[in-house]
Structure formats: C-alpha cells, structure tokens
Amino acid sequence: MKLSKILKVIGILVAIAGLFAAAYFAVKKIMDRQEPEYFDDNDFFECDNDLEIIEVADDAPAEEAPAEEAHAPKKKKAAKKAE
C-alpha cells in the first residue's frame, strides 16, 4: 500500500467518527431534560430586605388646576397696519 492510500483510509475513518460524534451530541441535546435554573435574588443584590415605611398625610392639596391653566393657549392681538 502506498502512503496516499493509507492517509485516505485514515481520513475516511476520522470523517465517519466525526459524523457519529455529531449525531451523538445532537441526539443528546434534543433528548436531554431541560430543568429550569432558579436564582436566589440575594446572590445578585446585597439587601437586608428591611423596608422603611413612610406615612403620607392625606391632606395634600391638589395641584392640578394650575397645571391646566399653564397649558391653555394664549391669544395674541393682531398688529395694526399703519397707513
């Protein structure tokens, strides 16, 4: 046998092994169970989970009226032409 024929046979065997490996990994990826990955929020944020409660008085005046007047269009007077 010549060296070129030996290299061709080895190349064919490597190609067949590659096809089997690709098929194996494809089937393994498709058939593998997909388990959800859960994260703990404390791993990402440094937090004591202590909430500060702030009480707000209900007597706050409503400031909606001035805001509506500010958006009203203003009328402009027409300039008189001098003759």
N, C-alpha and C. Protein backbone atom coordinates (compact mmCIF):
# COMPACT_ATOMS: atom_id res chain seq x y z
N MET A 1 0.83 -1.18 0.00
CA MET A 1 0.00 0.00 0.00
C MET A 1 0.88 1.24 0.00
N LYS A 2 0.40 2.20 -0.71
CA LYS A 2 1.14 3.44 -0.75
C LYS A 2 0.68 4.33 0.41
N LEU A 3 1.47 5.32 0.70
CA LEU A 3 1.19 6.24 1.80
C LEU A 3 -0.10 7.02 1.55
N SER A 4 -0.37 7.38 0.30
CA SER A 4 -1.57 8.16 0.00
C SER A 4 -2.84 7.35 0.27
N LYS A 5 -2.82 6.05 -0.02
CA LYS A 5 -3.98 5.22 0.23
C LYS A 5 -4.20 5.06 1.74
N ILE A 6 -3.13 4.95 2.50
CA ILE A 6 -3.24 4.83 3.96
C ILE A 6 -3.84 6.12 4.55
N LEU A 7 -3.40 7.26 4.06
CA LEU A 7 -3.93 8.54 4.54
C LEU A 7 -5.41 8.70 4.17
N LYS A 8 -5.80 8.23 2.98
CA LYS A 8 -7.21 8.30 2.58
C LYS A 8 -8.08 7.43 3.48
N VAL A 9 -7.60 6.23 3.80
CA VAL A 9 -8.37 5.34 4.68
C VAL A 9 -8.49 5.95 6.07
N ILE A 10 -7.41 6.51 6.59
CA ILE A 10 -7.45 7.15 7.91
C ILE A 10 -8.39 8.36 7.88
N GLY A 11 -8.36 9.12 6.82
CA GLY A 11 -9.25 10.28 6.67
C GLY A 11 -10.71 9.87 6.65
N ILE A 12 -11.01 8.78 5.93
CA ILE A 12 -12.39 8.29 5.87
C ILE A 12 -12.84 7.83 7.25
N LEU A 13 -11.98 7.14 7.99
CA LEU A 13 -12.33 6.69 9.34
C LEU A 13 -12.56 7.88 10.28
N VAL A 14 -11.74 8.90 10.18
CA VAL A 14 -11.91 10.10 11.00
C VAL A 14 -13.22 10.81 10.65
N ALA A 15 -13.56 10.88 9.37
CA ALA A 15 -14.80 11.52 8.94
C ALA A 15 -16.01 10.76 9.47
N ILE A 16 -15.97 9.42 9.40
CA ILE A 16 -17.08 8.61 9.91
C ILE A 16 -17.21 8.78 11.42
N ALA A 17 -16.08 8.82 12.14
CA ALA A 17 -16.11 9.03 13.59
C ALA A 17 -16.68 10.41 13.92
N GLY A 18 -16.35 11.40 13.11
CA GLY A 18 -16.89 12.75 13.29
C GLY A 18 -18.39 12.79 13.10
N LEU A 19 -18.90 12.07 12.09
CA LEU A 19 -20.34 12.01 11.87
C LEU A 19 -21.06 11.34 13.04
N PHE A 20 -20.47 10.25 13.55
CA PHE A 20 -21.08 9.58 14.71
C PHE A 20 -21.07 10.50 15.94
N ALA A 21 -19.99 11.24 16.14
CA ALA A 21 -19.91 12.15 17.28
C ALA A 21 -20.94 13.27 17.15
N ALA A 22 -21.11 13.81 15.95
CA ALA A 22 -22.09 14.88 15.72
C ALA A 22 -23.50 14.36 15.97
N ALA A 23 -23.80 13.16 15.47
CA ALA A 23 -25.12 12.57 15.69
C ALA A 23 -25.36 12.33 17.17
N TYR A 24 -24.34 11.84 17.89
CA TYR A 24 -24.48 11.58 19.32
C TYR A 24 -24.80 12.86 20.09
N PHE A 25 -24.05 13.94 19.83
CA PHE A 25 -24.28 15.18 20.54
C PHE A 25 -25.62 15.81 20.17
N ALA A 26 -26.05 15.67 18.90
CA ALA A 26 -27.35 16.21 18.50
C ALA A 26 -28.48 15.48 19.22
N VAL A 27 -28.41 14.15 19.27
CA VAL A 27 -29.45 13.38 19.96
C VAL A 27 -29.42 13.66 21.45
N LYS A 28 -28.24 13.77 22.02
CA LYS A 28 -28.13 14.06 23.45
C LYS A 28 -28.72 15.42 23.78
N LYS A 29 -28.51 16.42 22.94
CA LYS A 29 -29.04 17.75 23.18
C LYS A 29 -30.56 17.77 23.05
N ILE A 30 -31.10 17.04 22.09
CA ILE A 30 -32.55 17.00 21.88
C ILE A 30 -33.24 16.23 23.00
N MET A 31 -32.68 15.11 23.39
CA MET A 31 -33.34 14.22 24.35
C MET A 31 -33.06 14.61 25.81
N ASP A 32 -32.13 15.49 26.07
CA ASP A 32 -31.78 15.86 27.43
C ASP A 32 -32.91 16.65 28.07
N ARG A 33 -33.18 16.39 29.36
CA ARG A 33 -34.22 17.13 30.07
C ARG A 33 -33.75 18.55 30.31
N GLN A 34 -34.66 19.47 30.10
CA GLN A 34 -34.37 20.87 30.33
C GLN A 34 -34.93 21.24 31.70
N GLU A 35 -34.08 21.29 32.71
CA GLU A 35 -34.52 21.66 34.05
C GLU A 35 -34.35 23.16 34.22
N PRO A 36 -35.37 23.82 34.79
CA PRO A 36 -35.25 25.28 34.99
C PRO A 36 -34.17 25.60 36.02
N GLU A 37 -33.50 26.68 35.78
CA GLU A 37 -32.43 27.10 36.67
C GLU A 37 -32.97 28.24 37.53
N TYR A 38 -32.99 28.03 38.83
CA TYR A 38 -33.52 29.02 39.75
C TYR A 38 -32.37 29.82 40.36
N PHE A 39 -32.60 31.12 40.50
CA PHE A 39 -31.61 32.01 41.07
C PHE A 39 -32.15 32.61 42.36
N ASP A 40 -31.28 32.83 43.28
CA ASP A 40 -31.63 33.49 44.52
C ASP A 40 -31.30 34.97 44.37
N ASP A 41 -32.27 35.85 44.65
CA ASP A 41 -32.04 37.28 44.48
C ASP A 41 -30.92 37.80 45.38
N ASN A 42 -30.72 37.15 46.50
CA ASN A 42 -29.68 37.61 47.41
C ASN A 42 -28.27 37.38 46.84
N ASP A 43 -28.14 36.54 45.82
CA ASP A 43 -26.86 36.33 45.19
C ASP A 43 -26.46 37.53 44.33
N PHE A 44 -27.45 38.27 43.85
CA PHE A 44 -27.18 39.38 42.94
C PHE A 44 -27.20 40.74 43.63
N PHE A 45 -28.04 40.89 44.65
CA PHE A 45 -28.20 42.18 45.30
C PHE A 45 -27.87 42.03 46.79
N GLU A 46 -27.10 42.96 47.26
CA GLU A 46 -26.85 42.98 48.70
C GLU A 46 -27.96 43.80 49.34
N CYS A 47 -28.88 43.12 49.98
CA CYS A 47 -30.05 43.78 50.53
C CYS A 47 -30.40 43.11 51.85
N ASP A 48 -30.78 43.94 52.82
CA ASP A 48 -31.18 43.41 54.11
C ASP A 48 -32.66 43.05 54.14
N ASN A 49 -33.37 43.38 53.08
CA ASN A 49 -34.82 43.16 52.99
C ASN A 49 -35.57 43.89 54.10
N ASP A 50 -35.01 44.98 54.62
CA ASP A 50 -35.70 45.82 55.59
C ASP A 50 -36.31 46.99 54.84
N LEU A 51 -37.62 47.08 54.88
CA LEU A 51 -38.31 48.15 54.18
C LEU A 51 -38.66 49.25 55.18
N GLU A 52 -38.47 50.49 54.76
CA GLU A 52 -38.81 51.61 55.61
C GLU A 52 -40.20 52.09 55.22
N ILE A 53 -41.07 52.20 56.19
CA ILE A 53 -42.46 52.61 55.93
C ILE A 53 -42.56 54.11 56.19
N ILE A 54 -43.03 54.82 55.19
CA ILE A 54 -43.19 56.27 55.28
C ILE A 54 -44.68 56.56 55.18
N GLU A 55 -45.21 57.28 56.17
CA GLU A 55 -46.62 57.63 56.15
C GLU A 55 -46.79 58.99 55.49
N VAL A 56 -47.77 59.11 54.61
CA VAL A 56 -48.04 60.35 53.90
C VAL A 56 -49.40 60.85 54.33
N ALA A 57 -49.48 62.13 54.62
CA ALA A 57 -50.75 62.72 55.04
C ALA A 57 -51.68 62.81 53.84
N ASP A 58 -52.97 62.58 54.08
CA ASP A 58 -53.96 62.65 53.01
C ASP A 58 -54.42 64.08 52.76
N ASP A 59 -53.92 65.06 53.52
CA ASP A 59 -54.35 66.45 53.41
C ASP A 59 -53.60 67.22 52.33
N ALA A 60 -52.82 66.56 51.50
CA ALA A 60 -52.02 67.24 50.48
C ALA A 60 -52.93 67.94 49.48
N PRO A 61 -52.68 69.23 49.21
CA PRO A 61 -53.54 69.97 48.26
C PRO A 61 -53.32 69.48 46.83
N ALA A 62 -54.38 69.47 46.06
CA ALA A 62 -54.28 69.04 44.67
C ALA A 62 -53.75 70.20 43.84
N GLU A 63 -52.72 69.95 43.06
CA GLU A 63 -52.10 71.00 42.24
C GLU A 63 -52.42 70.81 40.76
N GLU A 64 -53.57 70.26 40.46
CA GLU A 64 -53.93 70.02 39.06
C GLU A 64 -54.43 71.28 38.36
N ALA A 65 -55.09 72.17 39.06
CA ALA A 65 -55.67 73.37 38.45
C ALA A 65 -54.61 74.27 37.83
N PRO A 66 -53.51 74.63 38.50
CA PRO A 66 -52.51 75.49 37.85
C PRO A 66 -51.85 74.84 36.65
N ALA A 67 -51.72 73.54 36.66
CA ALA A 67 -51.10 72.86 35.53
C ALA A 67 -51.98 72.96 34.29
N GLU A 68 -53.29 72.93 34.48
CA GLU A 68 -54.19 73.03 33.32
C GLU A 68 -54.16 74.43 32.73
N GLU A 69 -54.05 75.46 33.58
CA GLU A 69 -54.00 76.83 33.08
C GLU A 69 -52.71 77.11 32.32
N ALA A 70 -51.64 76.48 32.69
CA ALA A 70 -50.36 76.72 32.04
C ALA A 70 -50.36 76.17 30.61
N HIS A 71 -51.15 75.16 30.35
CA HIS A 71 -51.17 74.56 29.02
C HIS A 71 -52.21 75.20 28.10
N ALA A 72 -53.03 76.13 28.61
CA ALA A 72 -54.04 76.77 27.78
C ALA A 72 -53.36 77.69 26.77
N PRO A 73 -53.80 77.68 25.51
CA PRO A 73 -53.18 78.56 24.51
C PRO A 73 -53.53 80.02 24.77
N LYS A 74 -52.57 80.90 24.56
CA LYS A 74 -52.78 82.33 24.78
C LYS A 74 -53.16 82.99 23.45
N LYS A 75 -54.05 83.96 23.55
CA LYS A 75 -54.48 84.69 22.34
C LYS A 75 -53.54 85.85 22.12
N LYS A 76 -53.16 86.04 20.88
CA LYS A 76 -52.27 87.15 20.54
C LYS A 76 -53.10 88.20 19.80
N LYS A 77 -52.81 89.46 20.10
CA LYS A 77 -53.51 90.56 19.44
C LYS A 77 -52.87 90.80 18.07
N ALA A 78 -53.71 91.08 17.09
CA ALA A 78 -53.20 91.36 15.76
C ALA A 78 -52.60 92.74 15.70
N ALA A 79 -51.49 92.90 15.05
CA ALA A 79 -50.83 94.20 14.94
C ALA A 79 -51.57 95.06 13.91
N LYS A 80 -51.73 96.33 14.24
CA LYS A 80 -52.41 97.25 13.32
C LYS A 80 -51.43 97.74 12.27
N LYS A 81 -51.90 97.81 11.06
CA LYS A 81 -51.05 98.29 9.98
C LYS A 81 -51.15 99.81 9.89
N ALA A 82 -50.05 100.48 9.76
CA ALA A 82 -50.03 101.93 9.63
C ALA A 82 -50.21 102.30 8.17
N GLU A 83 -51.18 103.24 7.89
CA GLU A 83 -51.42 103.65 6.50
C GLU A 83 -50.87 105.00 6.22
